Amino acid sequence: MRSPTAIITYDTAPSHQWCWLPQWYSGGDSAYCLLAKFSRLNVLTIRETCEVFIKPNEKADNKFKIGHPHYPRVDLRLSTNLSIGRLSNILRLDPASLQSGFVDTLFSNAVRSSATYLKWCSTCANSGFHSAVYQLDFVHTCPLHKTSLLHRCRKCGSQLPYELHAPTGVTLFCCPQCRTDAAPALSTPKHGFAISDESAAVLASHVDLIRFADQLPTLIDKCRASVGSPYMPLLLSKPDNRQRALSFRHFVANVLTTVSVKGRRQAQLELSLLEPISTFIERPEMKNAHAIQPKKRRVAHSAVSIAKATDQKLADATAIYRVIRRHLWRHRVCGHRACARYAMRALWWDLDGEKTEAFCATALAFMRWRMQWEGRRVPARMLERPERAATPYGLLAWISRDAPIPSVYWSTKFETWLNKYILAAACFDSFRAWEQRCLRDEHNGKIAWSFRDHDHYARRHWACSGRGTSFEPGLLFLEPSIGSASEFCRSVPFDRAHFRRSRQIIDLLKR
């Protein structure tokens, strides 16, 4: 008999026989999370939970005695074998809302790219929340807390199966090997087991973004069919989850509409600090440009060839980066170059993780921008010569993470042109973000130095279509600038008094 002290009680208990309150539902809970909360709050074993929500297996062997039905192993990624109607009646929730707790309902094309074991955020789990989006293979970070998702027991390293199976013997969110509880807060009496409305809105936007990305292959195929070019390369940037999902949807819709219109060959570009390049047509033209199936470019797979291609990409990226750096130094830093030089000479140590007084915002923005793209942690080393001996790890990271994956129908010149243009846009966007950040720091009087601050900056989406021939020109689409100019983006005047103030602050910075 179950101990009465193990039963959770509340001041305002529900009127029906089951212990459940509407405040325990966040609006996007996974089926795994709902069953875990319900079983814990009603002190049910896994077998008793199966008796409530799972239909017995009618094909069970005769060896099972009467009164001991065999329950199938239920994969909680799928909405089959689980009684959605009974779950809806007991929890008093809309059946349509419950469908958002399954991977196959939210992401119909990504079920095979989801994990069969539990992936969870420890902070969310202790708040009584888990989303089906966490189960996707390409989701590694919690969109609410920006922490890495766990997928193994912290004590024994075992994986927790994402299923409901009667013989398991342990409750959900518990390791089947060592019985370590991954969400101990669920067993504590509490009036609310749900995330806040703000967090729910952020998660809903994140889920909407991934659902739209899951449908992109179908939309791209329809666009190619409307143009009459089934082999036309059409590449889109990865959706940036720092922006609202609606901006990416509008951008993709505009791109597909423009490409679908026959005879329209002009791309929409906006880049204020670099002369726009909208169309690429290689001369001389490729052979068989009008063929239904264009000729593919030979792709080298040997380690030596890949290394040479990477070295060439790094050399091209370094060249365009130097041009942009020189442009910013001359036309954006301007008179504040004296502040920047003085600061780089004085700051000779690794500043990552430190907090200091703020000085000239323009000099700070240029320094931190260079530290990002050159992968440096010590400002003084940016004055060293010869500079060519240092490896720009920031550019190398951009090539490996953000550079476009080339199509086999692109020429080498077309790929180089596209990489340079997208890198230029990323450089100018990051400098604009650093200006805003450093001007805010100067206004507040403090700087928190973090080597990974730029990871939180929003990136503009881009798209590219075509093969770069006269029959199928290469079209580049770039999203308009993010946000509007704020009060902190005004240019800071430079005079001798400003330089003296900056120098006094820099002289006081000691390790």
Protein backbone atom coordinates (compact mmCIF):
# COMPACT_ATOMS: atom_id res chain seq x y z
CA MET A 1 0.00 0.00 0.00
CA ARG A 2 1.32 3.44 -0.90
CA SER A 3 2.42 5.60 2.02
CA PRO A 4 0.04 8.54 2.57
CA THR A 5 2.99 10.84 3.26
CA ALA A 6 4.15 10.41 -0.34
CA ILE A 7 0.97 11.94 -1.77
CA ILE A 8 1.30 15.62 -2.71
CA THR A 9 -1.38 17.91 -1.31
CA TYR A 10 -2.33 21.51 -2.15
CA ASP A 11 -4.38 24.27 -0.60
CA THR A 12 -6.77 24.36 -3.58
CA ALA A 13 -7.00 20.75 -4.71
CA PRO A 14 -8.85 19.86 -7.93
CA SER A 15 -12.40 18.64 -7.57
CA HIS A 16 -11.87 15.49 -9.65
CA GLN A 17 -10.04 12.35 -8.64
CA TRP A 18 -6.74 13.20 -10.29
CA CYS A 19 -4.23 15.72 -8.93
CA TRP A 20 -3.80 18.27 -11.70
CA LEU A 21 -4.07 22.05 -12.05
CA PRO A 22 -4.07 24.21 -15.19
CA GLN A 23 -1.10 26.14 -13.76
CA TRP A 24 1.09 23.10 -14.40
CA TYR A 25 0.78 23.40 -18.19
CA SER A 26 3.01 25.89 -20.06
CA GLY A 27 1.46 25.56 -23.50
CA GLY A 28 4.33 23.76 -25.24
CA ASP A 29 5.10 20.84 -22.94
CA SER A 30 6.23 17.61 -24.52
CA ALA A 31 4.24 14.43 -23.99
CA TYR A 32 7.16 13.10 -21.95
CA CYS A 33 6.97 16.10 -19.62
CA LEU A 34 3.18 15.93 -19.20
CA LEU A 35 3.27 12.24 -18.33
CA ALA A 36 6.19 12.82 -15.95
CA LYS A 37 4.37 15.58 -14.06
CA PHE A 38 1.09 13.66 -13.96
CA SER A 39 2.67 10.44 -12.70
CA ARG A 40 4.72 12.24 -10.05
CA LEU A 41 1.91 14.43 -8.79
CA ASN A 42 -0.40 11.40 -8.46
CA VAL A 43 2.39 9.11 -7.21
CA LEU A 44 1.88 6.62 -10.02
CA THR A 45 4.35 3.98 -11.14
CA ILE A 46 5.23 3.58 -14.79
CA ARG A 47 2.95 0.55 -15.08
CA GLU A 48 0.03 2.44 -13.55
CA THR A 49 0.64 5.32 -15.97
CA CYS A 50 0.55 2.85 -18.85
CA GLU A 51 -2.75 1.43 -17.57
CA VAL A 52 -4.27 4.92 -17.76
CA PHE A 53 -2.99 6.17 -21.12
CA ILE A 54 -1.90 3.16 -23.23
CA LYS A 55 -4.06 0.59 -24.93
CA PRO A 56 -3.04 -3.00 -24.10
CA ASN A 57 -1.43 -5.01 -26.85
CA GLU A 58 -4.15 -7.23 -28.31
CA LYS A 59 -1.57 -9.56 -29.84
CA ALA A 60 -0.02 -10.48 -26.49
CA ASP A 61 0.91 -14.12 -26.05
CA ASN A 62 -1.17 -16.47 -23.96
CA LYS A 63 1.58 -16.63 -21.35
CA PHE A 64 0.34 -13.31 -19.98
CA LYS A 65 -2.16 -14.03 -17.27
CA ILE A 66 -5.62 -12.51 -17.06
CA GLY A 67 -5.46 -9.14 -15.37
CA HIS A 68 -1.85 -8.60 -16.42
CA PRO A 69 -2.06 -7.17 -19.96
CA HIS A 70 1.06 -6.53 -22.01
CA TYR A 71 1.63 -2.86 -22.88
CA PRO A 72 3.69 -1.99 -25.96
CA ARG A 73 6.82 0.12 -25.89
CA VAL A 74 5.59 3.62 -26.78
CA ASP A 75 7.94 6.01 -28.54
CA LEU A 76 6.95 9.42 -27.16
CA ARG A 77 8.22 11.19 -30.27
CA LEU A 78 5.16 9.80 -32.08
CA SER A 79 1.51 10.43 -31.31
CA THR A 80 0.51 6.78 -31.92
CA ASN A 81 -0.33 4.16 -29.28
CA LEU A 82 -1.07 6.93 -26.77
CA SER A 83 -4.67 7.82 -25.97
CA ILE A 84 -4.73 11.55 -26.73
CA GLY A 85 -8.46 11.77 -25.94
CA ARG A 86 -8.07 10.27 -22.47
CA LEU A 87 -5.03 12.47 -21.79
CA SER A 88 -7.05 15.51 -22.86
CA ASN A 89 -10.03 14.60 -20.66
CA ILE A 90 -7.98 13.94 -17.54
CA LEU A 91 -5.77 17.00 -17.86
CA ARG A 92 -8.65 19.16 -19.14
CA LEU A 93 -6.57 20.38 -22.10
CA ASP A 94 -7.38 20.93 -25.76
CA PRO A 95 -6.39 17.87 -27.89
CA ALA A 96 -4.94 20.21 -30.54
CA SER A 97 -2.64 21.75 -27.92
CA LEU A 98 -1.50 18.32 -26.77
CA GLN A 99 -0.41 17.48 -30.32
CA SER A 100 2.36 20.08 -29.99
CA GLY A 101 4.02 17.74 -27.51
CA PHE A 102 5.06 15.24 -30.21
CA VAL A 103 7.97 15.50 -32.65
CA ASP A 104 6.04 13.99 -35.57
CA THR A 105 3.32 16.65 -35.25
CA LEU A 106 5.63 19.65 -34.94
CA PHE A 107 8.33 18.58 -37.41
CA SER A 108 6.95 16.07 -39.88
CA ASN A 109 10.16 16.02 -41.97
CA ALA A 110 12.57 15.79 -39.05
CA VAL A 111 11.36 12.74 -37.09
CA ARG A 112 14.32 10.70 -38.32
CA SER A 113 16.62 13.53 -37.21
CA SER A 114 15.41 13.37 -33.63
CA ALA A 115 16.91 11.52 -30.68
CA THR A 116 15.38 8.34 -29.26
CA TYR A 117 16.85 9.25 -25.87
CA LEU A 118 15.94 12.18 -23.62
CA LYS A 119 17.61 15.56 -24.20
CA TRP A 120 16.80 18.09 -21.53
CA CYS A 121 17.74 21.39 -19.93
CA SER A 122 18.28 20.99 -16.19
CA THR A 123 16.83 24.43 -15.41
CA CYS A 124 13.72 23.77 -17.49
CA ALA A 125 13.28 20.30 -16.01
CA ASN A 126 13.37 21.64 -12.45
CA SER A 127 10.72 24.16 -13.51
CA GLY A 128 8.55 21.31 -14.75
CA PHE A 129 9.11 21.93 -18.45
CA HIS A 130 10.46 20.05 -21.46
CA SER A 131 9.76 20.69 -25.13
CA ALA A 132 9.69 18.28 -28.06
CA VAL A 133 12.04 20.65 -29.94
CA TYR A 134 14.85 19.61 -27.57
CA GLN A 135 14.77 16.13 -29.12
CA LEU A 136 15.98 17.34 -32.55
CA ASP A 137 19.55 16.29 -33.32
CA PHE A 138 20.62 19.76 -34.45
CA VAL A 139 19.32 21.51 -31.29
CA HIS A 140 22.14 21.55 -28.75
CA THR A 141 21.29 24.63 -26.65
CA CYS A 142 18.23 25.57 -24.62
CA PRO A 143 16.64 28.59 -26.35
CA LEU A 144 15.45 29.94 -22.99
CA HIS A 145 18.58 29.66 -20.83
CA LYS A 146 21.32 29.44 -23.49
CA THR A 147 22.84 26.39 -21.78
CA SER A 148 23.87 23.10 -23.38
CA LEU A 149 21.23 20.38 -23.36
CA LEU A 150 22.02 17.27 -21.36
CA HIS A 151 21.65 13.83 -22.92
CA ARG A 152 23.30 11.54 -20.38
CA CYS A 153 22.93 10.87 -16.69
CA ARG A 154 25.39 13.00 -14.73
CA LYS A 155 26.18 10.14 -12.35
CA CYS A 156 26.60 7.04 -14.55
CA GLY A 157 26.59 8.47 -18.08
CA SER A 158 23.62 6.38 -19.27
CA GLN A 159 21.01 7.69 -21.68
CA LEU A 160 17.40 8.04 -20.56
CA PRO A 161 15.04 6.43 -23.12
CA TYR A 162 12.44 8.77 -24.58
CA GLU A 163 9.64 6.25 -24.24
CA LEU A 164 6.95 4.87 -21.98
CA HIS A 165 7.44 1.18 -21.17
CA ALA A 166 5.76 -0.64 -18.31
CA PRO A 167 8.65 -3.00 -17.36
CA THR A 168 11.06 -0.08 -16.93
CA GLY A 169 10.24 0.25 -13.26
CA VAL A 170 11.50 3.84 -12.81
CA THR A 171 9.64 7.11 -13.18
CA LEU A 172 10.22 9.47 -16.08
CA PHE A 173 13.21 11.84 -15.78
CA CYS A 174 14.98 9.09 -13.80
CA CYS A 175 18.00 7.12 -15.00
CA PRO A 176 17.06 3.46 -15.56
CA GLN A 177 20.54 2.31 -14.48
CA CYS A 178 21.40 4.24 -11.31
CA ARG A 179 17.93 5.76 -10.67
CA THR A 180 19.33 9.29 -10.42
CA ASP A 181 16.57 11.89 -10.66
CA ALA A 182 17.18 14.51 -13.39
CA ALA A 183 14.26 16.68 -12.20
CA PRO A 184 14.03 16.40 -8.40
CA ALA A 185 11.92 19.56 -8.13
CA LEU A 186 8.95 17.71 -9.64
CA SER A 187 8.62 15.70 -6.44
CA THR A 188 8.39 18.85 -4.31
CA PRO A 189 4.92 20.27 -3.49
CA LYS A 190 4.44 23.32 -5.65
CA HIS A 191 1.52 25.36 -6.94
CA GLY A 192 3.03 26.00 -10.38
CA PHE A 193 4.97 23.72 -12.71
CA ALA A 194 5.14 25.95 -15.79
CA ILE A 195 7.46 28.51 -17.37
CA SER A 196 6.61 32.21 -17.53
CA ASP A 197 4.57 33.76 -20.33
CA GLU A 198 7.65 35.58 -21.66
CA SER A 199 9.62 32.34 -21.87
CA ALA A 200 6.67 30.60 -23.54
CA ALA A 201 6.55 33.34 -26.20
CA VAL A 202 10.30 33.01 -26.86
CA LEU A 203 9.99 29.24 -27.18
CA ALA A 204 6.96 29.54 -29.48
CA SER A 205 8.93 31.85 -31.81
CA HIS A 206 11.85 29.40 -31.76
CA VAL A 207 9.60 26.45 -32.60
CA ASP A 208 7.90 28.40 -35.38
CA LEU A 209 11.31 29.20 -36.88
CA ILE A 210 12.39 25.54 -36.89
CA ARG A 211 9.03 24.40 -38.30
CA PHE A 212 9.41 26.84 -41.18
CA ALA A 213 12.99 25.66 -41.80
CA ASP A 214 11.66 22.09 -41.79
CA GLN A 215 9.33 23.03 -44.68
CA LEU A 216 12.01 24.87 -46.71
CA PRO A 217 13.00 21.91 -48.97
CA THR A 218 9.41 21.64 -50.23
CA LEU A 219 9.17 25.41 -50.85
CA ILE A 220 12.49 25.46 -52.73
CA ASP A 221 11.43 22.56 -54.96
CA LYS A 222 8.21 24.42 -55.83
CA CYS A 223 10.24 27.52 -56.70
CA ARG A 224 12.53 25.53 -58.99
CA ALA A 225 9.53 23.94 -60.68
CA SER A 226 7.92 27.33 -61.33
CA VAL A 227 11.14 28.59 -62.95
CA GLY A 228 11.49 25.41 -64.99
CA SER A 229 15.02 24.71 -63.72
CA PRO A 230 14.99 21.67 -61.42
CA TYR A 231 18.78 21.80 -60.95
CA MET A 232 19.06 25.51 -60.18
CA PRO A 233 21.16 26.08 -57.04
CA LEU A 234 19.21 27.98 -54.41
CA LEU A 235 21.06 28.43 -51.13
CA LEU A 236 19.72 30.07 -47.97
CA SER A 237 21.56 31.09 -44.82
CA LYS A 238 20.83 29.36 -41.55
CA PRO A 239 17.96 31.02 -39.66
CA ASP A 240 19.20 33.21 -36.84
CA ASN A 241 17.23 32.37 -33.70
CA ARG A 242 18.23 35.71 -32.16
CA GLN A 243 15.72 37.38 -34.48
CA ARG A 244 12.00 36.85 -34.62
CA ALA A 245 10.86 33.97 -36.80
CA LEU A 246 8.63 36.35 -38.75
CA SER A 247 11.61 38.24 -40.22
CA PHE A 248 13.13 35.06 -41.66
CA ARG A 249 9.77 33.95 -43.09
CA HIS A 250 9.26 37.30 -44.82
CA PHE A 251 12.80 37.30 -46.17
CA VAL A 252 12.50 33.79 -47.62
CA ALA A 253 9.09 34.57 -49.10
CA ASN A 254 10.49 37.65 -50.85
CA VAL A 255 13.44 35.70 -52.21
CA LEU A 256 11.35 32.82 -53.56
CA THR A 257 8.85 35.23 -55.09
CA THR A 258 11.57 37.19 -56.87
CA VAL A 259 13.32 34.07 -58.17
CA SER A 260 10.02 32.61 -59.36
CA VAL A 261 9.17 35.62 -61.52
CA LYS A 262 10.51 34.85 -64.99
CA GLY A 263 12.76 37.47 -66.55
CA ARG A 264 13.48 39.24 -63.25
CA ARG A 265 17.19 39.06 -62.67
CA GLN A 266 17.90 41.80 -60.12
CA ALA A 267 18.69 41.04 -56.51
CA GLN A 268 17.76 43.19 -53.55
CA LEU A 269 20.90 44.32 -51.79
CA GLU A 270 21.60 46.83 -49.05
CA LEU A 271 25.12 47.45 -47.77
CA SER A 272 25.93 51.05 -46.88
CA LEU A 273 29.70 50.79 -46.58
CA LEU A 274 30.50 48.69 -49.65
CA GLU A 275 29.50 49.15 -53.26
CA PRO A 276 26.64 46.70 -53.93
CA ILE A 277 27.18 43.73 -56.26
CA SER A 278 23.88 42.17 -57.27
CA THR A 279 24.56 39.81 -60.18
CA PHE A 280 27.43 37.51 -61.10
CA ILE A 281 27.93 36.30 -64.71
CA GLU A 282 31.12 34.43 -65.48
CA ARG A 283 32.94 35.08 -68.77
CA PRO A 284 33.47 33.07 -70.89
CA GLU A 285 30.18 31.27 -70.47
CA MET A 286 30.05 27.71 -69.30
CA LYS A 287 29.44 25.02 -71.83
CA ASN A 288 25.99 23.46 -71.96
CA ALA A 289 24.56 26.47 -70.08
CA HIS A 290 21.13 25.82 -71.60
CA ALA A 291 21.13 22.11 -70.83
CA ILE A 292 18.40 20.76 -68.58
CA GLN A 293 20.95 19.08 -66.34
CA PRO A 294 24.09 21.25 -66.05
CA LYS A 295 27.53 19.82 -65.74
CA LYS A 296 28.70 19.27 -62.19
CA ARG A 297 32.00 20.52 -60.90
CA ARG A 298 34.43 17.86 -59.77
CA VAL A 299 34.80 17.94 -56.00
CA ALA A 300 38.10 16.81 -54.51
CA HIS A 301 37.84 14.50 -51.51
CA SER A 302 41.51 13.93 -50.68
CA ALA A 303 42.96 15.48 -47.53
CA VAL A 304 45.58 17.42 -49.49
CA SER A 305 42.99 18.93 -51.85
CA ILE A 306 40.70 19.91 -48.99
CA ALA A 307 43.60 21.52 -47.14
CA LYS A 308 44.59 23.52 -50.23
CA ALA A 309 41.00 24.67 -50.77
CA THR A 310 40.75 25.78 -47.13
CA ASP A 311 44.05 27.66 -47.33
CA GLN A 312 42.85 29.46 -50.46
CA LYS A 313 39.55 30.41 -48.77
CA LEU A 314 41.48 31.73 -45.77
CA ALA A 315 43.78 33.76 -48.03
CA ASP A 316 40.81 35.28 -49.89
CA ALA A 317 39.01 36.03 -46.60
CA THR A 318 42.13 37.64 -45.14
CA ALA A 319 42.49 39.89 -48.19
CA ILE A 320 38.93 41.21 -48.04
CA TYR A 321 39.18 41.58 -44.25
CA ARG A 322 42.29 43.76 -44.56
CA VAL A 323 40.52 46.02 -47.06
CA ILE A 324 37.54 46.46 -44.73
CA ARG A 325 39.80 47.03 -41.72
CA ARG A 326 41.69 49.75 -43.58
CA HIS A 327 38.40 51.35 -44.64
CA LEU A 328 37.08 51.41 -41.06
CA TRP A 329 40.38 52.73 -39.72
CA ARG A 330 40.35 55.64 -42.14
CA HIS A 331 36.65 56.50 -42.42
CA ARG A 332 35.00 55.37 -39.16
CA VAL A 333 37.70 55.56 -36.48
CA CYS A 334 39.16 58.75 -37.98
CA GLY A 335 40.42 61.07 -35.23
CA HIS A 336 39.97 58.39 -32.56
CA ARG A 337 42.95 56.50 -33.99
CA ALA A 338 45.14 58.12 -31.33
CA CYS A 339 42.88 56.65 -28.61
CA ALA A 340 42.99 53.24 -30.28
CA ARG A 341 46.79 53.20 -30.62
CA TYR A 342 47.32 54.31 -27.03
CA ALA A 343 44.89 51.69 -25.70
CA MET A 344 46.44 48.86 -27.71
CA ARG A 345 49.91 49.75 -26.41
CA ALA A 346 48.75 49.92 -22.79
CA LEU A 347 46.58 46.76 -22.64
CA TRP A 348 49.24 44.07 -22.81
CA TRP A 349 47.45 41.26 -20.91
CA ASP A 350 44.55 38.86 -21.54
CA LEU A 351 41.37 40.77 -20.69
CA ASP A 352 38.90 37.90 -21.03
CA GLY A 353 36.62 37.76 -17.98
CA GLU A 354 37.77 41.09 -16.49
CA LYS A 355 35.78 44.25 -15.73
CA THR A 356 37.37 47.65 -16.28
CA GLU A 357 36.49 51.30 -16.66
CA ALA A 358 35.19 52.35 -20.08
CA PHE A 359 37.04 54.79 -22.32
CA CYS A 360 36.69 55.99 -25.95
CA ALA A 361 33.80 54.01 -27.46
CA THR A 362 35.04 54.27 -31.05
CA ALA A 363 38.51 52.98 -30.12
CA LEU A 364 36.93 50.21 -28.06
CA ALA A 365 34.64 49.15 -30.91
CA PHE A 366 37.54 48.94 -33.38
CA MET A 367 39.74 47.02 -30.91
CA ARG A 368 37.08 44.49 -29.97
CA TRP A 369 36.06 44.11 -33.61
CA ARG A 370 39.66 43.23 -34.51
CA MET A 371 39.93 40.88 -31.53
CA GLN A 372 36.84 39.05 -32.81
CA TRP A 373 37.96 38.56 -36.41
CA GLU A 374 41.64 37.98 -35.70
CA GLY A 375 41.00 35.71 -32.74
CA ARG A 376 43.19 37.73 -30.36
CA ARG A 377 42.77 38.03 -26.61
CA VAL A 378 45.58 40.54 -25.93
CA PRO A 379 45.10 44.00 -27.56
CA ALA A 380 48.84 44.82 -27.57
CA ARG A 381 49.58 41.95 -29.95
CA MET A 382 47.55 43.64 -32.67
CA LEU A 383 50.48 46.08 -33.10
CA GLU A 384 53.06 43.35 -33.63
CA ARG A 385 54.89 43.03 -36.94
CA PRO A 386 55.04 41.06 -39.11
CA GLU A 387 51.30 40.55 -38.81
CA ARG A 388 51.15 37.90 -41.52
CA ALA A 389 52.69 35.32 -39.19
CA ALA A 390 49.58 35.25 -36.97
CA THR A 391 46.63 33.01 -37.88
CA PRO A 392 43.30 34.92 -37.95
CA TYR A 393 41.27 32.39 -35.99
CA GLY A 394 38.12 34.51 -36.20
CA LEU A 395 38.16 34.34 -40.01
CA LEU A 396 38.93 30.63 -39.83
CA ALA A 397 35.92 30.12 -37.55
CA TRP A 398 33.71 32.02 -40.01
CA ILE A 399 34.87 29.81 -42.89
CA SER A 400 34.11 26.62 -40.96
CA ARG A 401 30.77 27.77 -39.49
CA ASP A 402 29.15 30.53 -41.56
CA ALA A 403 30.66 30.34 -45.05
CA PRO A 404 28.22 29.05 -47.72
CA ILE A 405 28.43 25.35 -48.58
CA PRO A 406 29.29 25.46 -52.29
CA SER A 407 27.03 23.89 -54.89
CA VAL A 408 28.52 21.40 -57.33
CA TYR A 409 27.13 23.58 -60.15
CA TRP A 410 29.10 26.66 -59.08
CA SER A 411 32.41 27.66 -60.58
CA THR A 412 35.35 28.48 -58.33
CA LYS A 413 35.13 32.17 -59.26
CA PHE A 414 31.45 32.30 -58.38
CA GLU A 415 32.08 30.67 -55.00
CA THR A 416 34.92 33.11 -54.26
CA TRP A 417 32.74 36.10 -55.17
CA LEU A 418 29.92 34.94 -52.91
CA ASN A 419 32.22 34.22 -49.95
CA LYS A 420 33.83 37.66 -50.18
CA TYR A 421 30.51 39.48 -50.36
CA ILE A 422 28.92 37.63 -47.43
CA LEU A 423 32.08 38.05 -45.35
CA ALA A 424 32.09 41.79 -46.09
CA ALA A 425 28.47 42.09 -44.94
CA ALA A 426 29.26 40.13 -41.76
CA CYS A 427 32.27 42.37 -40.99
CA PHE A 428 30.32 45.60 -41.36
CA ASP A 429 27.37 44.21 -39.38
CA SER A 430 29.60 43.13 -36.51
CA PHE A 431 31.35 46.52 -36.40
CA ARG A 432 27.97 48.26 -36.20
CA ALA A 433 27.01 45.95 -33.32
CA TRP A 434 30.30 46.63 -31.54
CA GLU A 435 29.71 50.39 -31.91
CA GLN A 436 26.34 50.10 -30.20
CA ARG A 437 27.73 47.84 -27.46
CA CYS A 438 30.77 50.04 -26.71
CA LEU A 439 28.77 53.27 -26.73
CA ARG A 440 26.44 51.73 -24.15
CA ASP A 441 29.47 50.64 -22.10
CA GLU A 442 30.91 54.17 -22.25
CA HIS A 443 27.55 55.56 -21.17
CA ASN A 444 27.45 53.14 -18.20
CA GLY A 445 31.15 53.64 -17.39
CA LYS A 446 32.03 49.91 -17.18
CA ILE A 447 33.24 47.20 -19.60
CA ALA A 448 32.75 43.48 -19.09
CA TRP A 449 35.35 41.84 -21.35
CA SER A 450 34.20 38.53 -22.79
CA PHE A 451 35.86 36.78 -25.70
CA ARG A 452 32.53 35.37 -26.95
CA ASP A 453 30.36 38.50 -26.77
CA HIS A 454 29.90 38.60 -30.54
CA ASP A 455 28.12 35.23 -30.48
CA HIS A 456 25.02 37.02 -29.18
CA TYR A 457 24.82 39.49 -32.06
CA ALA A 458 22.07 39.00 -34.62
CA ARG A 459 23.13 38.22 -38.19
CA ARG A 460 21.41 39.23 -41.39
CA HIS A 461 19.96 36.47 -43.54
CA TRP A 462 21.13 36.03 -47.13
CA ALA A 463 20.20 33.89 -50.13
CA CYS A 464 21.84 33.06 -53.44
CA SER A 465 20.36 31.51 -56.60
CA GLY A 466 21.69 30.57 -60.02
CA ARG A 467 24.93 29.21 -61.45
CA GLY A 468 26.61 32.45 -62.51
CA THR A 469 26.01 32.10 -66.26
CA SER A 470 24.25 34.39 -68.73
CA PHE A 471 21.37 31.90 -68.89
CA GLU A 472 21.19 31.57 -65.10
CA PRO A 473 22.92 34.56 -63.43
CA GLY A 474 24.01 34.38 -59.84
CA LEU A 475 21.63 36.47 -57.72
CA LEU A 476 22.51 37.52 -54.21
CA PHE A 477 19.84 38.62 -51.72
CA LEU A 478 20.75 40.30 -48.45
CA GLU A 479 18.36 41.16 -45.66
CA PRO A 480 18.11 44.90 -44.85
CA SER A 481 20.08 46.24 -41.91
CA ILE A 482 18.94 44.95 -38.53
CA GLY A 483 17.12 47.50 -36.42
CA SER A 484 17.32 51.27 -36.64
CA ALA A 485 19.95 53.74 -35.53
CA SER A 486 19.72 54.33 -31.80
CA GLU A 487 20.78 57.32 -29.78
CA PHE A 488 24.05 55.60 -28.98
CA CYS A 489 25.01 55.27 -32.67
CA ARG A 490 25.78 58.97 -33.13
CA SER A 491 29.37 59.74 -33.99
CA VAL A 492 31.45 60.82 -31.00
CA PRO A 493 33.39 64.07 -31.58
CA PHE A 494 37.16 63.96 -31.16
CA ASP A 495 39.30 66.70 -29.67
CA ARG A 496 42.33 67.01 -27.42
CA ALA A 497 40.21 67.04 -24.28
CA HIS A 498 38.57 63.74 -25.33
CA PHE A 499 41.99 62.14 -25.90
CA ARG A 500 43.27 63.36 -22.49
CA ARG A 501 40.22 61.87 -20.75
CA SER A 502 40.68 58.54 -22.54
CA ARG A 503 44.39 58.47 -21.75
CA GLN A 504 43.76 59.16 -18.06
CA ILE A 505 41.27 56.28 -17.85
CA ILE A 506 43.60 53.91 -19.74
CA ASP A 507 46.54 54.79 -17.46
CA LEU A 508 44.49 53.73 -14.45
CA LEU A 509 43.82 50.28 -15.90
CA LYS A 510 46.20 47.89 -14.17
CA ARG A 511 46.36 44.13 -14.05
